[in-house]
Amino acid sequence: MVLGCHWLRTLGPVLWDFERQSMSFWCVDHRVQWLGLDAPTGIHVRTLDPGNLLQLLLAEFADIIATPQGLPPARASDHRIHLLLGTPPVAVCPYRYPQLLKDEIEKQCADMLRQGIIRPSTSPFSPPVLLVRKKDIT
């Protein structure tokens, strides 16, 4: 989770230990310590969490963490690449994907189109697609 500097500033002094993946700070008169999801085992820390601070934080930013529903709102200047009139698309051979990856790309694109997260493109240029395999959790 990435915590914004504006919110972190409200905590006062914070002790970070990146080796142990921990973050400690004081809330009112209680010490609070959060451990990362991949924190090394064998660390025995007593975590005091008055008022369940993490749950309050997640509730406050629920709209940011929620699954997107539709396209983002229109901005004053949406991203656009301006081309010279009559510029032909760059001739690039498409990547060849194994059938399993191709099926997954098509499934994810169909899901995002259905949810309204993306929209069909009329651009003559095709974007690169990269699928990254997650680390197996055992």
N, C-alpha and C. Protein backbone atom coordinates (compact mmCIF):
# COMPACT_ATOMS: atom_id res chain seq x y z
N MET A 1 0.86 -1.16 0.00
CA MET A 1 0.00 0.00 0.00
C MET A 1 0.91 1.23 0.00
N VAL A 2 0.57 2.20 -0.78
CA VAL A 2 1.31 3.45 -0.81
C VAL A 2 0.52 4.47 -0.02
N LEU A 3 1.15 5.05 0.97
CA LEU A 3 0.48 6.03 1.81
C LEU A 3 0.96 7.41 1.41
N GLY A 4 0.04 8.35 1.24
CA GLY A 4 0.40 9.69 0.82
C GLY A 4 1.12 10.48 1.90
N CYS A 5 1.99 11.40 1.49
CA CYS A 5 2.75 12.21 2.44
C CYS A 5 1.85 13.07 3.31
N HIS A 6 0.75 13.55 2.76
CA HIS A 6 -0.16 14.38 3.56
C HIS A 6 -0.70 13.59 4.74
N TRP A 7 -1.05 12.34 4.51
CA TRP A 7 -1.57 11.51 5.60
C TRP A 7 -0.45 11.11 6.55
N LEU A 8 0.70 10.73 6.01
CA LEU A 8 1.83 10.32 6.85
C LEU A 8 2.27 11.46 7.77
N ARG A 9 2.16 12.69 7.30
CA ARG A 9 2.56 13.85 8.10
C ARG A 9 1.76 13.93 9.40
N THR A 10 0.51 13.43 9.39
CA THR A 10 -0.33 13.49 10.59
C THR A 10 0.12 12.53 11.66
N LEU A 11 0.99 11.57 11.34
CA LEU A 11 1.43 10.56 12.31
C LEU A 11 2.54 11.05 13.22
N GLY A 12 3.21 12.11 12.84
CA GLY A 12 4.37 12.54 13.62
C GLY A 12 5.56 11.67 13.24
N PRO A 13 6.50 11.46 14.19
CA PRO A 13 7.67 10.64 13.87
C PRO A 13 7.27 9.19 13.55
N VAL A 14 7.84 8.67 12.48
CA VAL A 14 7.56 7.29 12.05
C VAL A 14 8.89 6.55 11.97
N LEU A 15 8.92 5.34 12.50
CA LEU A 15 10.11 4.49 12.43
C LEU A 15 9.87 3.42 11.37
N TRP A 16 10.68 3.42 10.33
CA TRP A 16 10.58 2.44 9.25
C TRP A 16 11.72 1.44 9.40
N ASP A 17 11.42 0.17 9.19
CA ASP A 17 12.46 -0.85 9.14
C ASP A 17 12.18 -1.69 7.90
N PHE A 18 12.87 -1.39 6.81
CA PHE A 18 12.59 -2.05 5.54
C PHE A 18 13.08 -3.49 5.53
N GLU A 19 14.06 -3.82 6.37
CA GLU A 19 14.51 -5.21 6.48
C GLU A 19 13.40 -6.07 7.07
N ARG A 20 12.74 -5.56 8.10
CA ARG A 20 11.65 -6.30 8.76
C ARG A 20 10.28 -5.95 8.19
N GLN A 21 10.25 -5.05 7.24
CA GLN A 21 9.00 -4.58 6.64
C GLN A 21 8.03 -4.11 7.72
N SER A 22 8.47 -3.17 8.52
CA SER A 22 7.60 -2.67 9.59
C SER A 22 7.58 -1.15 9.60
N MET A 23 6.50 -0.62 10.15
CA MET A 23 6.29 0.82 10.29
C MET A 23 5.72 1.03 11.68
N SER A 24 6.37 1.87 12.50
CA SER A 24 5.91 2.12 13.87
C SER A 24 5.68 3.61 14.07
N PHE A 25 4.64 3.94 14.82
CA PHE A 25 4.35 5.33 15.15
C PHE A 25 3.47 5.35 16.40
N TRP A 26 3.29 6.52 16.95
CA TRP A 26 2.46 6.67 18.15
C TRP A 26 1.13 7.29 17.76
N CYS A 27 0.05 6.75 18.29
CA CYS A 27 -1.29 7.28 18.08
C CYS A 27 -1.88 7.52 19.46
N VAL A 28 -2.12 8.77 19.78
CA VAL A 28 -2.55 9.19 21.11
C VAL A 28 -1.49 8.71 22.10
N ASP A 29 -1.77 7.71 22.92
CA ASP A 29 -0.77 7.23 23.87
C ASP A 29 -0.43 5.76 23.65
N HIS A 30 -0.68 5.27 22.43
CA HIS A 30 -0.40 3.87 22.11
C HIS A 30 0.58 3.79 20.95
N ARG A 31 1.49 2.84 21.04
CA ARG A 31 2.41 2.57 19.94
C ARG A 31 1.70 1.66 18.95
N VAL A 32 1.76 2.00 17.67
CA VAL A 32 1.15 1.20 16.60
C VAL A 32 2.27 0.69 15.71
N GLN A 33 2.22 -0.59 15.36
CA GLN A 33 3.21 -1.14 14.45
C GLN A 33 2.49 -1.98 13.40
N TRP A 34 2.77 -1.66 12.15
CA TRP A 34 2.22 -2.42 11.04
C TRP A 34 3.34 -3.22 10.41
N LEU A 35 3.05 -4.48 10.06
CA LEU A 35 4.02 -5.34 9.39
C LEU A 35 3.57 -5.58 7.96
N GLY A 36 4.53 -5.67 7.05
CA GLY A 36 4.21 -5.95 5.66
C GLY A 36 3.68 -7.36 5.48
N LEU A 37 2.99 -7.59 4.38
CA LEU A 37 2.42 -8.91 4.11
C LEU A 37 3.52 -9.96 3.95
N ASP A 38 4.68 -9.55 3.46
CA ASP A 38 5.80 -10.48 3.26
C ASP A 38 6.85 -10.34 4.36
N ALA A 39 6.45 -9.81 5.52
CA ALA A 39 7.41 -9.60 6.61
C ALA A 39 8.03 -10.94 7.00
N PRO A 40 9.32 -10.94 7.31
CA PRO A 40 9.99 -12.18 7.70
C PRO A 40 9.31 -12.81 8.92
N THR A 41 9.24 -14.13 8.93
CA THR A 41 8.65 -14.82 10.08
C THR A 41 9.63 -14.79 11.24
N GLY A 42 9.12 -15.02 12.42
CA GLY A 42 9.98 -15.03 13.60
C GLY A 42 10.06 -13.68 14.27
N ILE A 43 9.42 -12.65 13.72
CA ILE A 43 9.42 -11.34 14.36
C ILE A 43 8.28 -11.33 15.35
N HIS A 44 8.59 -11.13 16.61
CA HIS A 44 7.56 -11.10 17.64
C HIS A 44 7.36 -9.65 18.06
N VAL A 45 6.30 -9.07 17.56
CA VAL A 45 6.02 -7.67 17.86
C VAL A 45 4.60 -7.59 18.39
N ARG A 46 4.45 -6.86 19.45
CA ARG A 46 3.10 -6.65 19.96
C ARG A 46 2.55 -5.42 19.26
N THR A 47 1.48 -5.59 18.51
CA THR A 47 0.91 -4.50 17.75
C THR A 47 -0.28 -3.94 18.49
N LEU A 48 -0.20 -2.68 18.80
CA LEU A 48 -1.31 -1.99 19.43
C LEU A 48 -1.98 -1.16 18.35
N ASP A 49 -3.25 -1.35 18.15
CA ASP A 49 -3.95 -0.66 17.08
C ASP A 49 -5.23 -0.04 17.63
N PRO A 50 -5.12 1.11 18.32
CA PRO A 50 -6.31 1.71 18.91
C PRO A 50 -7.29 2.15 17.85
N GLY A 51 -8.57 1.74 18.04
CA GLY A 51 -9.60 2.15 17.09
C GLY A 51 -9.43 1.56 15.72
N ASN A 52 -8.62 0.53 15.62
CA ASN A 52 -8.36 -0.13 14.34
C ASN A 52 -8.03 0.89 13.25
N LEU A 53 -6.91 1.55 13.43
CA LEU A 53 -6.47 2.63 12.56
C LEU A 53 -6.40 2.22 11.09
N LEU A 54 -5.93 1.01 10.82
CA LEU A 54 -5.82 0.56 9.44
C LEU A 54 -7.20 0.47 8.78
N GLN A 55 -8.18 -0.05 9.50
CA GLN A 55 -9.54 -0.14 8.94
C GLN A 55 -10.11 1.25 8.67
N LEU A 56 -9.82 2.21 9.56
CA LEU A 56 -10.27 3.58 9.34
C LEU A 56 -9.62 4.16 8.09
N LEU A 57 -8.34 3.87 7.91
CA LEU A 57 -7.63 4.35 6.73
C LEU A 57 -8.21 3.75 5.46
N LEU A 58 -8.47 2.44 5.48
CA LEU A 58 -9.04 1.78 4.31
C LEU A 58 -10.44 2.31 4.01
N ALA A 59 -11.22 2.59 5.05
CA ALA A 59 -12.57 3.14 4.85
C ALA A 59 -12.49 4.55 4.26
N GLU A 60 -11.53 5.35 4.74
CA GLU A 60 -11.40 6.72 4.24
C GLU A 60 -11.06 6.77 2.76
N PHE A 61 -10.25 5.80 2.30
CA PHE A 61 -9.82 5.80 0.90
C PHE A 61 -10.47 4.66 0.11
N ALA A 62 -11.66 4.24 0.52
CA ALA A 62 -12.36 3.13 -0.15
C ALA A 62 -12.60 3.42 -1.62
N ASP A 63 -12.87 4.68 -1.96
CA ASP A 63 -13.14 5.02 -3.36
C ASP A 63 -11.90 4.86 -4.23
N ILE A 64 -10.72 4.99 -3.65
CA ILE A 64 -9.48 4.82 -4.41
C ILE A 64 -9.15 3.34 -4.56
N ILE A 65 -9.45 2.55 -3.54
CA ILE A 65 -9.10 1.13 -3.53
C ILE A 65 -10.13 0.30 -4.29
N ALA A 66 -11.35 0.81 -4.45
CA ALA A 66 -12.43 0.05 -5.07
C ALA A 66 -12.10 -0.30 -6.52
N THR A 67 -12.72 -1.38 -7.01
CA THR A 67 -12.58 -1.78 -8.40
C THR A 67 -13.17 -0.70 -9.29
N PRO A 68 -12.44 -0.26 -10.32
CA PRO A 68 -12.95 0.82 -11.18
C PRO A 68 -14.27 0.43 -11.83
N GLN A 69 -15.16 1.40 -11.95
CA GLN A 69 -16.45 1.22 -12.63
C GLN A 69 -16.54 2.30 -13.69
N GLY A 70 -16.13 2.00 -14.89
CA GLY A 70 -16.22 2.98 -15.97
C GLY A 70 -14.92 3.74 -16.16
N LEU A 71 -14.95 4.66 -17.12
CA LEU A 71 -13.78 5.46 -17.45
C LEU A 71 -13.60 6.57 -16.42
N PRO A 72 -12.39 7.08 -16.28
CA PRO A 72 -12.18 8.20 -15.36
C PRO A 72 -12.92 9.44 -15.88
N PRO A 73 -13.17 10.41 -15.02
CA PRO A 73 -13.88 11.61 -15.47
C PRO A 73 -13.07 12.38 -16.51
N ALA A 74 -13.78 13.14 -17.35
CA ALA A 74 -13.10 13.93 -18.37
C ALA A 74 -12.24 14.99 -17.70
N ARG A 75 -11.08 15.23 -18.24
CA ARG A 75 -10.16 16.22 -17.70
C ARG A 75 -10.11 17.43 -18.64
N ALA A 76 -9.52 18.50 -18.16
CA ALA A 76 -9.38 19.70 -18.99
C ALA A 76 -8.54 19.40 -20.23
N SER A 77 -7.53 18.54 -20.08
CA SER A 77 -6.76 18.14 -21.25
C SER A 77 -6.52 16.63 -21.18
N ASP A 78 -7.30 15.89 -21.93
CA ASP A 78 -7.11 14.45 -22.00
C ASP A 78 -5.87 14.15 -22.82
N HIS A 79 -5.23 13.01 -22.53
CA HIS A 79 -4.00 12.63 -23.23
C HIS A 79 -4.31 12.36 -24.69
N ARG A 80 -3.48 12.90 -25.55
CA ARG A 80 -3.65 12.68 -26.97
C ARG A 80 -2.32 12.84 -27.67
N ILE A 81 -2.07 12.02 -28.65
CA ILE A 81 -0.85 12.14 -29.45
C ILE A 81 -1.25 12.79 -30.77
N HIS A 82 -0.72 13.96 -31.03
CA HIS A 82 -1.06 14.69 -32.25
C HIS A 82 -0.11 14.24 -33.36
N LEU A 83 -0.68 13.79 -34.47
CA LEU A 83 0.11 13.34 -35.61
C LEU A 83 -0.02 14.33 -36.75
N LEU A 84 0.98 14.37 -37.59
CA LEU A 84 0.90 15.19 -38.79
C LEU A 84 -0.15 14.58 -39.72
N LEU A 85 -0.87 15.42 -40.42
CA LEU A 85 -1.89 14.93 -41.34
C LEU A 85 -1.30 13.97 -42.36
N GLY A 86 -1.97 12.87 -42.58
CA GLY A 86 -1.53 11.90 -43.57
C GLY A 86 -0.40 10.99 -43.11
N THR A 87 -0.02 11.04 -41.85
CA THR A 87 1.05 10.18 -41.35
C THR A 87 0.55 8.74 -41.29
N PRO A 88 1.21 7.81 -41.98
CA PRO A 88 0.75 6.41 -41.94
C PRO A 88 1.20 5.75 -40.63
N PRO A 89 0.49 4.71 -40.21
CA PRO A 89 0.93 3.97 -39.01
C PRO A 89 2.31 3.34 -39.24
N VAL A 90 3.05 3.21 -38.16
CA VAL A 90 4.36 2.58 -38.24
C VAL A 90 4.15 1.10 -38.55
N ALA A 91 4.90 0.59 -39.48
CA ALA A 91 4.77 -0.82 -39.86
C ALA A 91 5.56 -1.68 -38.88
N VAL A 92 4.86 -2.28 -37.95
CA VAL A 92 5.49 -3.14 -36.95
C VAL A 92 4.74 -4.47 -36.93
N CYS A 93 5.49 -5.55 -36.98
CA CYS A 93 4.84 -6.86 -36.92
C CYS A 93 4.24 -7.06 -35.52
N PRO A 94 3.05 -7.63 -35.44
CA PRO A 94 2.46 -7.88 -34.13
C PRO A 94 3.23 -8.98 -33.39
N TYR A 95 3.17 -8.88 -32.06
CA TYR A 95 3.80 -9.92 -31.25
C TYR A 95 3.01 -11.22 -31.41
N ARG A 96 3.70 -12.32 -31.35
CA ARG A 96 3.03 -13.61 -31.38
C ARG A 96 2.96 -14.13 -29.95
N TYR A 97 1.74 -14.40 -29.52
CA TYR A 97 1.53 -14.90 -28.16
C TYR A 97 1.12 -16.36 -28.21
N PRO A 98 1.52 -17.14 -27.24
CA PRO A 98 0.99 -18.50 -27.14
C PRO A 98 -0.54 -18.41 -26.95
N GLN A 99 -1.24 -19.42 -27.38
CA GLN A 99 -2.71 -19.40 -27.35
C GLN A 99 -3.25 -19.11 -25.95
N LEU A 100 -2.61 -19.66 -24.92
CA LEU A 100 -3.06 -19.44 -23.54
C LEU A 100 -3.01 -17.96 -23.17
N LEU A 101 -1.91 -17.28 -23.53
CA LEU A 101 -1.79 -15.84 -23.24
C LEU A 101 -2.76 -15.03 -24.08
N LYS A 102 -2.92 -15.40 -25.34
CA LYS A 102 -3.85 -14.69 -26.22
C LYS A 102 -5.27 -14.79 -25.67
N ASP A 103 -5.66 -15.98 -25.21
CA ASP A 103 -6.99 -16.16 -24.62
C ASP A 103 -7.16 -15.29 -23.38
N GLU A 104 -6.13 -15.20 -22.55
CA GLU A 104 -6.20 -14.39 -21.33
C GLU A 104 -6.31 -12.91 -21.65
N ILE A 105 -5.54 -12.43 -22.63
CA ILE A 105 -5.61 -11.03 -23.04
C ILE A 105 -7.02 -10.71 -23.54
N GLU A 106 -7.57 -11.57 -24.40
CA GLU A 106 -8.91 -11.34 -24.93
C GLU A 106 -9.96 -11.37 -23.82
N LYS A 107 -9.81 -12.28 -22.85
CA LYS A 107 -10.75 -12.37 -21.73
C LYS A 107 -10.71 -11.10 -20.89
N GLN A 108 -9.49 -10.65 -20.55
CA GLN A 108 -9.36 -9.44 -19.73
C GLN A 108 -9.87 -8.20 -20.46
N CYS A 109 -9.59 -8.10 -21.74
CA CYS A 109 -10.09 -6.95 -22.52
C CYS A 109 -11.61 -6.97 -22.58
N ALA A 110 -12.21 -8.14 -22.80
CA ALA A 110 -13.67 -8.25 -22.84
C ALA A 110 -14.28 -7.86 -21.49
N ASP A 111 -13.66 -8.32 -20.40
CA ASP A 111 -14.15 -7.95 -19.06
C ASP A 111 -14.07 -6.45 -18.84
N MET A 112 -12.95 -5.83 -19.21
CA MET A 112 -12.80 -4.39 -19.00
C MET A 112 -13.74 -3.59 -19.90
N LEU A 113 -13.98 -4.06 -21.12
CA LEU A 113 -14.95 -3.40 -22.00
C LEU A 113 -16.35 -3.48 -21.39
N ARG A 114 -16.71 -4.66 -20.87
CA ARG A 114 -18.03 -4.86 -20.27
C ARG A 114 -18.21 -3.95 -19.06
N GLN A 115 -17.15 -3.79 -18.25
CA GLN A 115 -17.23 -2.96 -17.04
C GLN A 115 -17.14 -1.47 -17.37
N GLY A 116 -16.75 -1.15 -18.58
CA GLY A 116 -16.62 0.26 -18.97
C GLY A 116 -15.32 0.89 -18.55
N ILE A 117 -14.34 0.08 -18.14
CA ILE A 117 -13.03 0.61 -17.72
C ILE A 117 -12.24 1.08 -18.93
N ILE A 118 -12.41 0.41 -20.06
CA ILE A 118 -11.75 0.80 -21.30
C ILE A 118 -12.82 0.95 -22.37
N ARG A 119 -12.45 1.53 -23.48
CA ARG A 119 -13.39 1.67 -24.59
C ARG A 119 -12.70 1.24 -25.88
N PRO A 120 -13.47 0.86 -26.89
CA PRO A 120 -12.85 0.45 -28.14
C PRO A 120 -12.03 1.59 -28.74
N SER A 121 -10.93 1.24 -29.35
CA SER A 121 -10.04 2.24 -29.94
C SER A 121 -10.25 2.30 -31.44
N THR A 122 -10.15 3.51 -31.98
CA THR A 122 -10.22 3.68 -33.43
C THR A 122 -8.83 4.02 -33.98
N SER A 123 -7.83 3.96 -33.11
CA SER A 123 -6.47 4.30 -33.52
C SER A 123 -5.89 3.23 -34.43
N PRO A 124 -5.15 3.66 -35.46
CA PRO A 124 -4.49 2.67 -36.32
C PRO A 124 -3.26 2.04 -35.64
N PHE A 125 -2.89 2.54 -34.48
CA PHE A 125 -1.74 2.03 -33.74
C PHE A 125 -2.24 1.08 -32.66
N SER A 126 -1.56 -0.03 -32.49
CA SER A 126 -1.98 -0.96 -31.44
C SER A 126 -1.00 -0.85 -30.27
N PRO A 127 -1.53 -0.84 -29.04
CA PRO A 127 -0.65 -0.72 -27.88
C PRO A 127 0.03 -2.04 -27.57
N PRO A 128 1.23 -2.00 -27.01
CA PRO A 128 1.87 -3.25 -26.59
C PRO A 128 1.17 -3.82 -25.37
N VAL A 129 1.16 -5.11 -25.25
CA VAL A 129 0.54 -5.79 -24.12
C VAL A 129 1.61 -6.64 -23.45
N LEU A 130 1.64 -6.59 -22.13
CA LEU A 130 2.62 -7.36 -21.39
C LEU A 130 1.92 -8.05 -20.23
N LEU A 131 1.97 -9.36 -20.19
CA LEU A 131 1.41 -10.11 -19.08
C LEU A 131 2.57 -10.55 -18.19
N VAL A 132 2.43 -10.31 -16.88
CA VAL A 132 3.47 -10.67 -15.93
C VAL A 132 2.92 -11.73 -15.00
N ARG A 133 3.58 -12.86 -14.95
CA ARG A 133 3.15 -13.95 -14.09
C ARG A 133 3.42 -13.60 -12.64
N LYS A 134 2.41 -13.82 -11.78
CA LYS A 134 2.59 -13.56 -10.35
C LYS A 134 3.44 -14.64 -9.73
N LYS A 135 4.15 -14.25 -8.68
CA LYS A 135 4.96 -15.19 -7.94
C LYS A 135 4.03 -16.19 -7.27
N ASP A 136 4.32 -17.48 -7.40
CA ASP A 136 3.48 -18.51 -6.77
C ASP A 136 3.52 -18.35 -5.26
N ILE A 137 2.36 -18.41 -4.65
CA ILE A 137 2.27 -18.36 -3.19
C ILE A 137 1.98 -19.76 -2.69
N THR A 138 2.91 -20.33 -1.94
CA THR A 138 2.72 -21.70 -1.45
C THR A 138 2.73 -21.74 0.04
